[in-house]
Amino acid sequence: MSIFRRENVSASPAAAGGPSDPGQKRHITRVAPGTRLLGEVTGATEVLIDGEIEGEVRVDATVTVGAEGAVTGAVSAPVIRVAGRVVGNLLASDRVEVSPSGSVEGDIAAPRIVIAEGAFFKGRVEMTGEKVREARRPRGAAEPEPKPAAEPGKP
């Protein structure tokens, strides 16, 4: 019996948010319902969590916590989608999405964050990344020049 099942899924790119070439297949590692993992999960493939993970999840692809899924620990990935429960901090290089059925108890840091109406969230939000800095600067404005350090004894 296998804990993980790696599937080659051929899905619509628009619906799945996957590769732009329709002939290309996505690789997904799935933690099935009823499965409980203790420890660190790392890798480069998309992870779908329908079971439970107690420990850190750190991958270089999308992490989806399904409606029946639960994670107790930090989650770090380019894109994090939460429809289940996460107790731990979320760090995404692109975006975090919490759906109406989602529950997050922890801090969220990402350039783009979506918390749907009806979702539960307890923690802090930090908008981070280059995209946010550019959005705050007026269009056409140059980066502000750093001020020179004052000489000792002069204001």
N, C-alpha and C. Protein backbone atom coordinates (compact mmCIF):
# COMPACT_ATOMS: atom_id res chain seq x y z
N MET A 1 0.85 -1.18 0.00
CA MET A 1 0.00 0.00 0.00
C MET A 1 0.89 1.23 0.00
N SER A 2 0.55 2.18 -0.80
CA SER A 2 1.36 3.38 -0.95
C SER A 2 0.71 4.56 -0.26
N ILE A 3 1.52 5.35 0.42
CA ILE A 3 1.01 6.55 1.07
C ILE A 3 0.79 7.64 0.03
N PHE A 4 1.76 7.77 -0.87
CA PHE A 4 1.68 8.79 -1.91
C PHE A 4 1.29 8.14 -3.21
N ARG A 5 0.59 8.88 -4.01
CA ARG A 5 0.30 8.40 -5.35
C ARG A 5 0.61 9.54 -6.30
N ARG A 6 1.53 9.32 -7.18
CA ARG A 6 1.90 10.34 -8.15
C ARG A 6 1.14 10.02 -9.42
N GLU A 7 0.38 11.02 -9.87
CA GLU A 7 -0.46 10.83 -11.04
C GLU A 7 0.01 11.72 -12.17
N ASN A 8 -0.13 11.25 -13.39
CA ASN A 8 0.04 12.10 -14.55
C ASN A 8 -1.36 12.47 -14.97
N VAL A 9 -1.70 13.74 -14.76
CA VAL A 9 -3.05 14.20 -15.03
C VAL A 9 -3.01 15.09 -16.26
N SER A 10 -3.83 14.76 -17.23
CA SER A 10 -3.97 15.63 -18.39
C SER A 10 -5.24 16.42 -18.18
N ALA A 11 -5.08 17.71 -17.91
CA ALA A 11 -6.24 18.54 -17.59
C ALA A 11 -6.20 19.79 -18.44
N SER A 12 -7.33 20.46 -18.47
CA SER A 12 -7.42 21.73 -19.18
C SER A 12 -6.52 22.74 -18.49
N PRO A 13 -5.58 23.38 -19.22
CA PRO A 13 -4.68 24.32 -18.58
C PRO A 13 -5.39 25.47 -17.91
N ALA A 14 -6.45 25.97 -18.51
CA ALA A 14 -7.17 27.11 -17.91
C ALA A 14 -7.82 26.71 -16.60
N ALA A 15 -8.42 25.52 -16.55
CA ALA A 15 -9.11 25.08 -15.35
C ALA A 15 -8.14 24.69 -14.25
N ALA A 16 -7.01 24.12 -14.64
CA ALA A 16 -6.09 23.62 -13.64
C ALA A 16 -5.00 24.61 -13.27
N GLY A 17 -4.84 25.66 -14.07
CA GLY A 17 -3.77 26.60 -13.80
C GLY A 17 -2.41 25.99 -14.08
N GLY A 18 -2.39 24.97 -14.94
CA GLY A 18 -1.18 24.22 -15.22
C GLY A 18 -0.47 24.70 -16.46
N PRO A 19 0.23 23.77 -17.12
CA PRO A 19 1.04 24.13 -18.26
C PRO A 19 0.22 24.69 -19.40
N SER A 20 0.84 25.55 -20.21
CA SER A 20 0.12 26.19 -21.30
C SER A 20 0.00 25.28 -22.51
N ASP A 21 0.83 24.24 -22.62
CA ASP A 21 0.77 23.30 -23.72
C ASP A 21 -0.22 22.20 -23.37
N PRO A 22 -1.35 22.06 -24.12
CA PRO A 22 -2.36 21.07 -23.77
C PRO A 22 -1.83 19.64 -23.80
N GLY A 23 -0.78 19.37 -24.56
CA GLY A 23 -0.23 18.02 -24.62
C GLY A 23 0.67 17.69 -23.44
N GLN A 24 1.05 18.69 -22.66
CA GLN A 24 1.94 18.49 -21.53
C GLN A 24 1.15 17.99 -20.32
N LYS A 25 1.72 17.05 -19.56
CA LYS A 25 1.03 16.49 -18.40
C LYS A 25 1.57 17.12 -17.12
N ARG A 26 0.70 17.24 -16.11
CA ARG A 26 1.10 17.74 -14.80
C ARG A 26 1.40 16.55 -13.90
N HIS A 27 2.34 16.74 -13.00
CA HIS A 27 2.64 15.71 -12.01
C HIS A 27 2.10 16.20 -10.68
N ILE A 28 1.32 15.35 -10.01
CA ILE A 28 0.71 15.72 -8.74
C ILE A 28 1.01 14.63 -7.72
N THR A 29 1.46 15.05 -6.54
CA THR A 29 1.61 14.13 -5.42
C THR A 29 0.40 14.35 -4.52
N ARG A 30 -0.33 13.28 -4.25
CA ARG A 30 -1.57 13.40 -3.48
C ARG A 30 -1.46 12.67 -2.16
N VAL A 31 -1.85 13.36 -1.09
CA VAL A 31 -1.97 12.74 0.22
C VAL A 31 -3.45 12.42 0.36
N ALA A 32 -3.77 11.15 0.29
CA ALA A 32 -5.16 10.70 0.21
C ALA A 32 -5.90 10.88 1.54
N PRO A 33 -7.24 10.97 1.46
CA PRO A 33 -8.03 11.04 2.70
C PRO A 33 -7.75 9.82 3.57
N GLY A 34 -7.69 10.03 4.87
CA GLY A 34 -7.42 8.94 5.80
C GLY A 34 -5.93 8.73 6.05
N THR A 35 -5.08 9.42 5.31
CA THR A 35 -3.63 9.31 5.48
C THR A 35 -3.15 10.41 6.40
N ARG A 36 -2.26 10.06 7.32
CA ARG A 36 -1.67 11.03 8.25
C ARG A 36 -0.16 10.92 8.17
N LEU A 37 0.49 12.03 7.79
CA LEU A 37 1.94 12.07 7.68
C LEU A 37 2.53 12.94 8.77
N LEU A 38 3.64 12.48 9.35
CA LEU A 38 4.37 13.25 10.34
C LEU A 38 5.75 13.52 9.77
N GLY A 39 6.15 14.80 9.69
CA GLY A 39 7.47 15.13 9.18
C GLY A 39 7.42 16.21 8.13
N GLU A 40 8.51 16.34 7.38
CA GLU A 40 8.66 17.40 6.38
C GLU A 40 8.35 16.86 5.00
N VAL A 41 7.60 17.65 4.22
CA VAL A 41 7.28 17.30 2.84
C VAL A 41 7.97 18.32 1.94
N THR A 42 8.87 17.85 1.06
CA THR A 42 9.57 18.73 0.14
C THR A 42 9.53 18.12 -1.25
N GLY A 43 9.77 18.95 -2.26
CA GLY A 43 9.82 18.44 -3.62
C GLY A 43 9.57 19.53 -4.63
N ALA A 44 9.43 19.09 -5.89
CA ALA A 44 9.25 20.04 -6.98
C ALA A 44 7.93 19.83 -7.71
N THR A 45 7.10 18.88 -7.27
CA THR A 45 5.83 18.65 -7.94
C THR A 45 4.68 19.21 -7.12
N GLU A 46 3.57 19.45 -7.79
CA GLU A 46 2.37 19.95 -7.15
C GLU A 46 1.91 18.95 -6.08
N VAL A 47 1.39 19.47 -4.96
CA VAL A 47 0.94 18.62 -3.86
C VAL A 47 -0.53 18.91 -3.59
N LEU A 48 -1.33 17.86 -3.53
CA LEU A 48 -2.75 17.94 -3.18
C LEU A 48 -2.94 17.20 -1.87
N ILE A 49 -3.38 17.91 -0.84
CA ILE A 49 -3.52 17.33 0.50
C ILE A 49 -4.99 17.15 0.82
N ASP A 50 -5.43 15.90 0.79
CA ASP A 50 -6.79 15.56 1.20
C ASP A 50 -6.77 14.83 2.54
N GLY A 51 -5.58 14.45 3.00
CA GLY A 51 -5.40 13.80 4.30
C GLY A 51 -4.86 14.81 5.29
N GLU A 52 -3.99 14.33 6.21
CA GLU A 52 -3.43 15.20 7.25
C GLU A 52 -1.90 15.18 7.18
N ILE A 53 -1.31 16.34 7.35
CA ILE A 53 0.15 16.44 7.46
C ILE A 53 0.46 17.22 8.72
N GLU A 54 1.34 16.66 9.55
CA GLU A 54 1.82 17.35 10.73
C GLU A 54 3.31 17.57 10.53
N GLY A 55 3.66 18.79 10.16
CA GLY A 55 5.05 19.13 9.86
C GLY A 55 5.09 20.15 8.74
N GLU A 56 6.29 20.52 8.34
CA GLU A 56 6.46 21.57 7.34
C GLU A 56 6.24 21.02 5.93
N VAL A 57 5.57 21.84 5.10
CA VAL A 57 5.39 21.52 3.68
C VAL A 57 6.11 22.61 2.91
N ARG A 58 7.16 22.22 2.14
CA ARG A 58 7.97 23.19 1.40
C ARG A 58 8.24 22.62 0.01
N VAL A 59 7.50 23.13 -0.99
CA VAL A 59 7.65 22.63 -2.35
C VAL A 59 7.79 23.78 -3.34
N ASP A 60 8.27 23.45 -4.54
CA ASP A 60 8.48 24.43 -5.60
C ASP A 60 7.35 24.43 -6.61
N ALA A 61 6.17 24.05 -6.20
CA ALA A 61 4.99 24.02 -7.06
C ALA A 61 3.78 24.35 -6.20
N THR A 62 2.60 24.30 -6.79
CA THR A 62 1.36 24.63 -6.08
C THR A 62 1.06 23.63 -4.98
N VAL A 63 0.64 24.14 -3.83
CA VAL A 63 0.16 23.30 -2.73
C VAL A 63 -1.32 23.59 -2.57
N THR A 64 -2.14 22.54 -2.64
CA THR A 64 -3.58 22.68 -2.45
C THR A 64 -3.99 21.84 -1.25
N VAL A 65 -4.62 22.49 -0.27
CA VAL A 65 -5.18 21.77 0.87
C VAL A 65 -6.65 21.61 0.57
N GLY A 66 -7.07 20.38 0.25
CA GLY A 66 -8.45 20.11 -0.11
C GLY A 66 -9.40 20.34 1.05
N ALA A 67 -10.69 20.30 0.75
CA ALA A 67 -11.72 20.58 1.76
C ALA A 67 -11.62 19.64 2.96
N GLU A 68 -11.17 18.42 2.75
CA GLU A 68 -11.02 17.47 3.86
C GLU A 68 -9.60 17.42 4.39
N GLY A 69 -8.70 18.21 3.79
CA GLY A 69 -7.29 18.18 4.17
C GLY A 69 -6.99 19.06 5.37
N ALA A 70 -5.87 18.74 6.04
CA ALA A 70 -5.43 19.51 7.20
C ALA A 70 -3.91 19.50 7.27
N VAL A 71 -3.34 20.66 7.58
CA VAL A 71 -1.90 20.78 7.76
C VAL A 71 -1.66 21.49 9.07
N THR A 72 -0.80 20.89 9.90
CA THR A 72 -0.35 21.54 11.13
C THR A 72 1.14 21.78 10.96
N GLY A 73 1.49 22.99 10.58
CA GLY A 73 2.88 23.34 10.31
C GLY A 73 2.94 24.39 9.22
N ALA A 74 4.13 24.91 8.99
CA ALA A 74 4.32 25.96 8.00
C ALA A 74 4.21 25.40 6.59
N VAL A 75 3.68 26.22 5.66
CA VAL A 75 3.56 25.84 4.26
C VAL A 75 4.27 26.92 3.43
N SER A 76 5.17 26.47 2.55
CA SER A 76 5.91 27.39 1.70
C SER A 76 5.89 26.86 0.27
N ALA A 77 5.40 27.70 -0.67
CA ALA A 77 5.28 27.31 -2.07
C ALA A 77 5.01 28.56 -2.90
N PRO A 78 5.14 28.47 -4.23
CA PRO A 78 4.80 29.63 -5.06
C PRO A 78 3.32 30.01 -4.93
N VAL A 79 2.44 29.00 -4.99
CA VAL A 79 1.00 29.22 -4.88
C VAL A 79 0.46 28.27 -3.82
N ILE A 80 -0.33 28.81 -2.90
CA ILE A 80 -0.95 27.99 -1.85
C ILE A 80 -2.45 28.23 -1.91
N ARG A 81 -3.21 27.13 -2.03
CA ARG A 81 -4.68 27.21 -2.03
C ARG A 81 -5.18 26.41 -0.84
N VAL A 82 -6.07 27.03 -0.05
CA VAL A 82 -6.58 26.38 1.15
C VAL A 82 -8.09 26.29 1.09
N ALA A 83 -8.60 25.07 1.04
CA ALA A 83 -10.03 24.82 1.14
C ALA A 83 -10.33 24.06 2.43
N GLY A 84 -9.28 23.51 3.04
CA GLY A 84 -9.40 22.77 4.30
C GLY A 84 -8.89 23.62 5.46
N ARG A 85 -8.06 22.99 6.33
CA ARG A 85 -7.59 23.66 7.55
C ARG A 85 -6.07 23.67 7.59
N VAL A 86 -5.51 24.87 7.90
CA VAL A 86 -4.06 25.00 8.10
C VAL A 86 -3.84 25.72 9.41
N VAL A 87 -3.02 25.12 10.27
CA VAL A 87 -2.59 25.77 11.51
C VAL A 87 -1.08 25.92 11.36
N GLY A 88 -0.67 27.09 10.94
CA GLY A 88 0.74 27.37 10.68
C GLY A 88 0.85 28.53 9.71
N ASN A 89 2.04 29.05 9.57
CA ASN A 89 2.27 30.20 8.70
C ASN A 89 2.32 29.79 7.23
N LEU A 90 1.82 30.67 6.35
CA LEU A 90 1.84 30.43 4.91
C LEU A 90 2.77 31.45 4.28
N LEU A 91 3.71 30.99 3.44
CA LEU A 91 4.64 31.86 2.73
C LEU A 91 4.61 31.47 1.26
N ALA A 92 4.15 32.39 0.40
CA ALA A 92 4.06 32.10 -1.03
C ALA A 92 4.82 33.16 -1.81
N SER A 93 5.51 32.73 -2.86
CA SER A 93 6.23 33.69 -3.70
C SER A 93 5.31 34.34 -4.72
N ASP A 94 4.12 33.75 -4.96
CA ASP A 94 3.18 34.33 -5.92
C ASP A 94 1.86 34.73 -5.24
N ARG A 95 1.12 33.74 -4.71
CA ARG A 95 -0.16 34.10 -4.09
C ARG A 95 -0.65 33.01 -3.13
N VAL A 96 -1.55 33.46 -2.23
CA VAL A 96 -2.26 32.58 -1.30
C VAL A 96 -3.74 32.81 -1.52
N GLU A 97 -4.49 31.72 -1.65
CA GLU A 97 -5.94 31.79 -1.82
C GLU A 97 -6.59 30.95 -0.73
N VAL A 98 -7.50 31.56 0.03
CA VAL A 98 -8.26 30.84 1.04
C VAL A 98 -9.72 30.86 0.59
N SER A 99 -10.27 29.69 0.32
CA SER A 99 -11.63 29.58 -0.21
C SER A 99 -12.65 29.70 0.93
N PRO A 100 -13.94 29.81 0.61
CA PRO A 100 -14.96 29.97 1.65
C PRO A 100 -14.95 28.84 2.70
N SER A 101 -14.56 27.64 2.30
CA SER A 101 -14.51 26.52 3.26
C SER A 101 -13.18 26.46 3.99
N GLY A 102 -12.23 27.33 3.65
CA GLY A 102 -10.89 27.28 4.21
C GLY A 102 -10.78 27.90 5.59
N SER A 103 -9.79 27.41 6.35
CA SER A 103 -9.52 27.91 7.69
C SER A 103 -8.01 28.01 7.86
N VAL A 104 -7.53 29.20 8.20
CA VAL A 104 -6.10 29.42 8.41
C VAL A 104 -5.89 30.08 9.76
N GLU A 105 -5.05 29.45 10.58
CA GLU A 105 -4.64 30.03 11.86
C GLU A 105 -3.13 30.18 11.78
N GLY A 106 -2.69 31.37 11.39
CA GLY A 106 -1.27 31.64 11.23
C GLY A 106 -1.09 32.85 10.34
N ASP A 107 0.13 33.29 10.20
CA ASP A 107 0.42 34.48 9.41
C ASP A 107 0.54 34.11 7.93
N ILE A 108 0.15 35.04 7.07
CA ILE A 108 0.23 34.85 5.62
C ILE A 108 1.15 35.92 5.06
N ALA A 109 2.14 35.51 4.25
CA ALA A 109 3.03 36.44 3.57
C ALA A 109 3.10 36.05 2.10
N ALA A 110 2.70 36.98 1.22
CA ALA A 110 2.70 36.74 -0.22
C ALA A 110 2.46 38.06 -0.94
N PRO A 111 2.86 38.15 -2.22
CA PRO A 111 2.56 39.37 -2.98
C PRO A 111 1.07 39.55 -3.23
N ARG A 112 0.35 38.44 -3.43
CA ARG A 112 -1.10 38.50 -3.68
C ARG A 112 -1.80 37.55 -2.72
N ILE A 113 -2.86 38.06 -2.07
CA ILE A 113 -3.59 37.27 -1.08
C ILE A 113 -5.07 37.43 -1.32
N VAL A 114 -5.79 36.29 -1.39
CA VAL A 114 -7.23 36.31 -1.55
C VAL A 114 -7.83 35.50 -0.40
N ILE A 115 -8.66 36.16 0.39
CA ILE A 115 -9.40 35.46 1.45
C ILE A 115 -10.87 35.64 1.13
N ALA A 116 -11.52 34.56 0.74
CA ALA A 116 -12.90 34.61 0.29
C ALA A 116 -13.85 34.86 1.46
N GLU A 117 -15.00 35.44 1.13
CA GLU A 117 -16.04 35.64 2.13
C GLU A 117 -16.46 34.28 2.68
N GLY A 118 -16.53 34.18 3.98
CA GLY A 118 -16.91 32.93 4.63
C GLY A 118 -15.72 32.13 5.13
N ALA A 119 -14.51 32.45 4.67
CA ALA A 119 -13.31 31.76 5.13
C ALA A 119 -12.98 32.20 6.56
N PHE A 120 -12.30 31.33 7.31
CA PHE A 120 -11.85 31.67 8.65
C PHE A 120 -10.37 32.00 8.58
N PHE A 121 -9.98 33.12 9.18
CA PHE A 121 -8.58 33.51 9.21
C PHE A 121 -8.27 34.17 10.54
N LYS A 122 -7.21 33.68 11.19
CA LYS A 122 -6.73 34.28 12.43
C LYS A 122 -5.22 34.39 12.32
N GLY A 123 -4.74 35.62 12.19
CA GLY A 123 -3.31 35.84 12.05
C GLY A 123 -3.03 37.20 11.45
N ARG A 124 -1.81 37.36 10.93
CA ARG A 124 -1.41 38.62 10.32
C ARG A 124 -1.19 38.40 8.82
N VAL A 125 -1.36 39.46 8.05
CA VAL A 125 -1.14 39.42 6.61
C VAL A 125 0.00 40.38 6.29
N GLU A 126 0.96 39.91 5.50
CA GLU A 126 2.05 40.76 5.05
C GLU A 126 2.16 40.64 3.54
N MET A 127 1.92 41.75 2.86
CA MET A 127 2.06 41.78 1.40
C MET A 127 3.54 41.97 1.11
N THR A 128 4.15 40.98 0.49
CA THR A 128 5.59 41.01 0.26
C THR A 128 5.89 40.89 -1.22
N GLY A 129 7.12 41.15 -1.59
CA GLY A 129 7.56 40.86 -2.94
C GLY A 129 7.66 42.07 -3.84
N GLU A 130 8.29 41.86 -4.98
CA GLU A 130 8.54 42.91 -5.97
C GLU A 130 7.25 43.47 -6.53
N LYS A 131 6.25 42.62 -6.76
CA LYS A 131 4.99 43.08 -7.35
C LYS A 131 4.33 44.13 -6.47
N VAL A 132 4.41 43.96 -5.17
CA VAL A 132 3.78 44.89 -4.24
C VAL A 132 4.53 46.21 -4.25
N ARG A 133 5.87 46.18 -4.23
CA ARG A 133 6.65 47.41 -4.24
C ARG A 133 6.36 48.24 -5.48
N GLU A 134 6.25 47.58 -6.63
CA GLU A 134 5.94 48.29 -7.87
C GLU A 134 4.54 48.88 -7.84
N ALA A 135 3.59 48.20 -7.24
CA ALA A 135 2.22 48.69 -7.18
C ALA A 135 2.11 49.93 -6.30
N ARG A 136 2.94 50.03 -5.28
CA ARG A 136 2.89 51.17 -4.37
C ARG A 136 3.50 52.42 -4.98
N ARG A 137 4.44 52.26 -5.93
CA ARG A 137 5.12 53.39 -6.55
C ARG A 137 4.25 53.96 -7.65
N PRO A 138 4.10 55.29 -7.72
CA PRO A 138 3.31 55.89 -8.81
C PRO A 138 3.93 55.55 -10.17
N ARG A 139 3.08 55.41 -11.17
CA ARG A 139 3.57 55.09 -12.51
C ARG A 139 4.52 56.16 -13.00
N GLY A 140 5.61 55.71 -13.61
CA GLY A 140 6.59 56.64 -14.16
C GLY A 140 7.53 57.23 -13.11
N ALA A 141 7.29 56.96 -11.85
CA ALA A 141 8.15 57.50 -10.80
C ALA A 141 9.38 56.62 -10.66
N ALA A 142 10.49 57.26 -10.46
CA ALA A 142 11.74 56.53 -10.27
C ALA A 142 11.86 56.11 -8.81
N GLU A 143 12.72 55.15 -8.59
CA GLU A 143 13.00 54.74 -7.21
C GLU A 143 13.54 55.94 -6.45
N PRO A 144 13.10 56.15 -5.22
CA PRO A 144 13.63 57.27 -4.44
C PRO A 144 15.11 57.06 -4.16
N GLU A 145 15.88 58.14 -4.23
CA GLU A 145 17.30 58.06 -3.96
C GLU A 145 17.50 57.97 -2.46
N PRO A 146 18.39 57.09 -2.00
CA PRO A 146 18.63 57.01 -0.56
C PRO A 146 19.27 58.29 -0.05
N LYS A 147 18.87 58.71 1.14
CA LYS A 147 19.42 59.93 1.74
C LYS A 147 20.82 59.63 2.26
N PRO A 148 21.76 60.56 2.04
CA PRO A 148 23.11 60.33 2.58
C PRO A 148 23.09 60.40 4.09
N ALA A 149 23.97 59.64 4.69
CA ALA A 149 24.05 59.61 6.16
C ALA A 149 24.55 60.96 6.64
N ALA A 150 23.97 61.43 7.73
CA ALA A 150 24.39 62.72 8.31
C ALA A 150 25.76 62.57 8.94
N GLU A 151 26.54 63.63 8.84
CA GLU A 151 27.86 63.61 9.47
C GLU A 151 27.68 63.75 10.98
N PRO A 152 28.57 63.13 11.75
CA PRO A 152 28.46 63.25 13.20
C PRO A 152 28.51 64.70 13.63
N GLY A 153 27.63 65.08 14.51
CA GLY A 153 27.59 66.43 15.04
C GLY A 153 26.76 67.39 14.22
N LYS A 154 26.27 66.94 13.04
CA LYS A 154 25.42 67.79 12.21
C LYS A 154 24.05 67.15 12.08
N PRO A 155 22.96 67.96 12.11
CA PRO A 155 21.61 67.39 12.01
C PRO A 155 21.27 66.90 10.64
